[in-house]
Amino acid sequence: MPGFRRLNLKYIDPFFHMPRELLILRHAKSDWNTGALADFQRPLARRGKNDAPKVGAWLYREGLVPEHVVSSPAERARKTAEIVCKRLDYKKKNIVFDNQVYAAEVPGLLDVLARCPAAASIILLIGHNPGLEDLLRHLVGSELEIPKDGKLLPTATVARLEMPDDWQQLELGCAQLVSLTRPKSL
């Protein structure tokens, strides 16, 4: 038919939604033998430099490639983010280094997440304890089981959470923990 263009439209089920996921990653092991360096400048230890690429490779194999990455700018978190993102083929220039993630408490971390792109279905947040563990407790609520060793997020551990549809509405207990993955298991 002249003037008629065929459009290739797919039916989208209005009840189907892609779940959003939050990957909470505590920075890899840092070096405590750095002398007079301030906490913010503490680098990764050898173990941290070995664990971070394992975590990135595992995320890639699992298909958990984030659309948005936010990290603390502290040296150990920054380096963890760069190493992990290299394994994910995520450009270093696209990592958001947010000062609010360093030494953050739950309200600050919720604010960081609220500023993430609304369309992002997988977000990777890289930071520090105790803030990240407190955020995990807030998001999962009373359903959270504490591991036998009592450590939710040892260094380079990834918590994978299924999240609600709106990054700005993260109430107590709104998420479901899918997995906790430690570098020793990779």
Protein backbone atom coordinates (compact mmCIF):
# COMPACT_ATOMS: atom_id res chain seq x y z
CA MET A 1 0.00 0.00 0.00
CA PRO A 2 1.60 3.34 -1.00
CA GLY A 3 2.38 5.68 1.90
CA PHE A 4 1.76 2.92 4.47
CA ARG A 5 4.57 1.92 6.81
CA ARG A 6 4.39 -1.27 8.72
CA LEU A 7 5.33 -0.81 12.37
CA ASN A 8 6.88 -3.65 14.26
CA LEU A 9 5.10 -3.33 17.60
CA LYS A 10 5.37 -5.84 20.39
CA TYR A 11 2.57 -6.46 22.84
CA ILE A 12 3.61 -5.48 26.36
CA ASP A 13 1.71 -7.11 29.18
CA PRO A 14 0.61 -4.26 31.49
CA PHE A 15 1.00 -6.53 34.52
CA PHE A 16 4.58 -7.50 33.71
CA HIS A 17 7.34 -5.43 35.25
CA MET A 18 11.07 -5.81 35.30
CA PRO A 19 12.11 -6.03 38.90
CA ARG A 20 14.58 -3.44 40.04
CA GLU A 21 17.68 -4.66 41.76
CA LEU A 22 20.11 -3.02 44.11
CA LEU A 23 23.57 -4.47 44.45
CA ILE A 24 25.17 -3.32 47.69
CA LEU A 25 28.91 -3.89 47.63
CA ARG A 26 31.16 -3.21 50.56
CA HIS A 27 34.59 -2.07 49.37
CA ALA A 28 37.29 -4.73 49.10
CA LYS A 29 39.82 -5.31 51.91
CA SER A 30 41.81 -2.19 52.73
CA ASP A 31 45.38 -1.85 53.92
CA TRP A 32 45.64 -0.82 57.57
CA ASN A 33 49.45 -0.61 57.44
CA THR A 34 49.61 2.73 55.69
CA GLY A 35 51.19 4.82 58.41
CA ALA A 36 49.97 8.38 58.58
CA LEU A 37 47.36 8.20 55.81
CA ALA A 38 43.92 9.44 56.76
CA ASP A 39 41.03 6.95 56.70
CA PHE A 40 39.69 8.48 53.47
CA GLN A 41 42.99 7.78 51.71
CA ARG A 42 43.47 4.18 52.86
CA PRO A 43 44.25 1.98 49.78
CA LEU A 44 43.29 -1.59 49.00
CA ALA A 45 45.31 -4.41 50.51
CA ARG A 46 46.65 -7.23 48.33
CA ARG A 47 43.61 -9.35 49.20
CA GLY A 48 41.32 -6.49 48.18
CA LYS A 49 43.10 -6.15 44.84
CA ASN A 50 42.51 -9.89 44.28
CA ASP A 51 38.88 -9.96 45.47
CA ALA A 52 37.56 -6.94 43.53
CA PRO A 53 38.10 -8.40 40.02
CA LYS A 54 36.58 -11.71 41.15
CA VAL A 55 33.44 -9.84 42.25
CA GLY A 56 33.25 -7.94 38.96
CA ALA A 57 33.70 -11.10 36.91
CA TRP A 58 31.04 -12.90 38.96
CA LEU A 59 28.54 -10.05 38.52
CA TYR A 60 29.19 -10.12 34.78
CA ARG A 61 28.71 -13.91 34.56
CA GLU A 62 25.45 -13.62 36.52
CA GLY A 63 24.16 -10.94 34.13
CA LEU A 64 24.14 -8.36 36.92
CA VAL A 65 25.56 -5.47 34.92
CA PRO A 66 24.37 -2.22 36.49
CA GLU A 67 22.91 0.67 34.57
CA HIS A 68 24.07 3.08 37.26
CA VAL A 69 27.01 2.88 39.68
CA VAL A 70 27.43 5.07 42.76
CA SER A 71 30.50 4.83 44.98
CA SER A 72 32.08 6.49 47.95
CA PRO A 73 35.04 8.57 46.77
CA ALA A 74 37.28 7.19 49.55
CA GLU A 75 40.35 5.56 47.99
CA ARG A 76 39.49 1.95 48.90
CA ALA A 77 35.91 2.26 47.62
CA ARG A 78 36.94 4.23 44.53
CA LYS A 79 39.52 1.61 43.57
CA THR A 80 37.04 -1.22 44.24
CA ALA A 81 34.51 0.52 41.98
CA GLU A 82 37.05 0.99 39.19
CA ILE A 83 38.26 -2.63 39.30
CA VAL A 84 34.75 -4.11 39.49
CA CYS A 85 33.44 -1.86 36.72
CA LYS A 86 36.36 -2.76 34.45
CA ARG A 87 35.23 -6.42 34.65
CA LEU A 88 31.66 -5.32 33.92
CA ASP A 89 32.65 -3.29 30.83
CA TYR A 90 31.17 -0.29 32.63
CA LYS A 91 33.06 2.89 31.78
CA LYS A 92 35.02 4.42 34.66
CA LYS A 93 33.92 7.91 33.60
CA ASN A 94 30.28 6.89 34.26
CA ILE A 95 30.84 5.96 37.92
CA VAL A 96 29.27 8.56 40.21
CA PHE A 97 31.56 9.26 43.17
CA ASP A 98 29.25 10.73 45.80
CA ASN A 99 30.69 12.21 49.00
CA GLN A 100 27.44 11.40 50.77
CA VAL A 101 28.23 7.66 50.57
CA TYR A 102 31.38 8.03 52.70
CA ALA A 103 30.57 7.62 56.42
CA ALA A 104 26.87 7.69 55.52
CA GLU A 105 23.98 6.64 57.66
CA VAL A 106 20.70 5.23 56.34
CA PRO A 107 18.97 8.60 55.61
CA GLY A 108 21.97 9.76 53.57
CA LEU A 109 22.17 6.50 51.63
CA LEU A 110 18.42 6.62 50.93
CA ASP A 111 18.94 10.15 49.61
CA VAL A 112 21.73 8.88 47.32
CA LEU A 113 19.42 6.14 45.98
CA ALA A 114 16.57 8.62 45.50
CA ARG A 115 18.82 10.63 43.15
CA CYS A 116 19.52 7.60 40.95
CA PRO A 117 17.96 7.56 37.48
CA ALA A 118 14.33 6.46 37.64
CA ALA A 119 14.80 4.22 34.60
CA ALA A 120 17.75 2.28 36.07
CA SER A 121 16.71 -1.29 36.79
CA ILE A 122 20.04 -2.37 38.35
CA ILE A 123 22.05 -0.06 40.58
CA LEU A 124 25.41 -0.86 42.15
CA LEU A 125 26.17 1.01 45.39
CA ILE A 126 29.74 0.73 46.72
CA GLY A 127 30.59 1.99 50.18
CA HIS A 128 31.42 1.25 53.78
CA ASN A 129 30.20 -0.30 56.99
CA PRO A 130 28.38 0.29 59.24
CA GLY A 131 26.28 2.38 56.82
CA LEU A 132 25.79 -0.33 54.20
CA GLU A 133 24.81 -2.97 56.77
CA ASP A 134 22.37 -0.52 58.33
CA LEU A 135 20.91 0.22 54.87
CA LEU A 136 20.56 -3.51 54.22
CA ARG A 137 18.74 -3.96 57.55
CA HIS A 138 16.44 -1.04 56.73
CA LEU A 139 15.57 -2.27 53.24
CA VAL A 140 15.03 -5.92 54.14
CA GLY A 141 13.58 -5.36 57.60
CA SER A 142 12.89 -8.18 60.02
CA GLU A 143 13.20 -10.85 57.30
CA LEU A 144 16.99 -10.50 57.31
CA GLU A 145 18.85 -13.53 58.61
CA ILE A 146 22.22 -12.83 60.17
CA PRO A 147 24.99 -15.21 58.99
CA LYS A 148 26.51 -17.55 61.56
CA ASP A 149 29.65 -15.41 61.89
CA GLY A 150 27.49 -12.33 62.60
CA LYS A 151 28.88 -10.39 59.61
CA LEU A 152 26.38 -9.28 57.01
CA LEU A 153 28.81 -7.49 54.71
CA PRO A 154 32.45 -8.43 55.17
CA THR A 155 34.76 -6.75 52.65
CA ALA A 156 33.95 -7.31 48.95
CA THR A 157 30.59 -8.94 49.77
CA VAL A 158 27.63 -8.25 47.48
CA ALA A 159 24.07 -8.12 48.74
CA ARG A 160 21.57 -8.52 45.90
CA LEU A 161 18.13 -7.10 46.61
CA GLU A 162 14.91 -7.03 44.65
CA MET A 163 13.56 -3.52 45.03
CA PRO A 164 10.28 -1.65 44.61
CA ASP A 165 9.59 0.32 41.43
CA ASP A 166 10.51 3.74 42.78
CA TRP A 167 14.03 4.57 44.02
CA GLN A 168 12.51 7.46 46.00
CA GLN A 169 10.11 5.32 48.04
CA LEU A 170 12.30 2.95 50.03
CA GLU A 171 10.42 2.28 53.24
CA LEU A 172 11.46 -0.09 56.02
CA GLY A 173 11.23 -3.70 54.79
CA CYS A 174 10.43 -2.76 51.17
CA ALA A 175 13.06 -5.04 49.59
CA GLN A 176 13.71 -8.74 49.37
CA LEU A 177 17.19 -10.15 49.81
CA VAL A 178 17.99 -12.44 46.88
CA SER A 179 21.54 -13.35 47.88
CA LEU A 180 24.62 -12.45 49.89
CA THR A 181 27.78 -13.40 48.01
CA ARG A 182 31.20 -13.33 49.64
CA PRO A 183 34.42 -13.32 47.62
CA LYS A 184 35.55 -16.55 49.33
CA SER A 185 32.68 -18.36 47.56
CA LEU A 186 33.71 -17.19 44.09
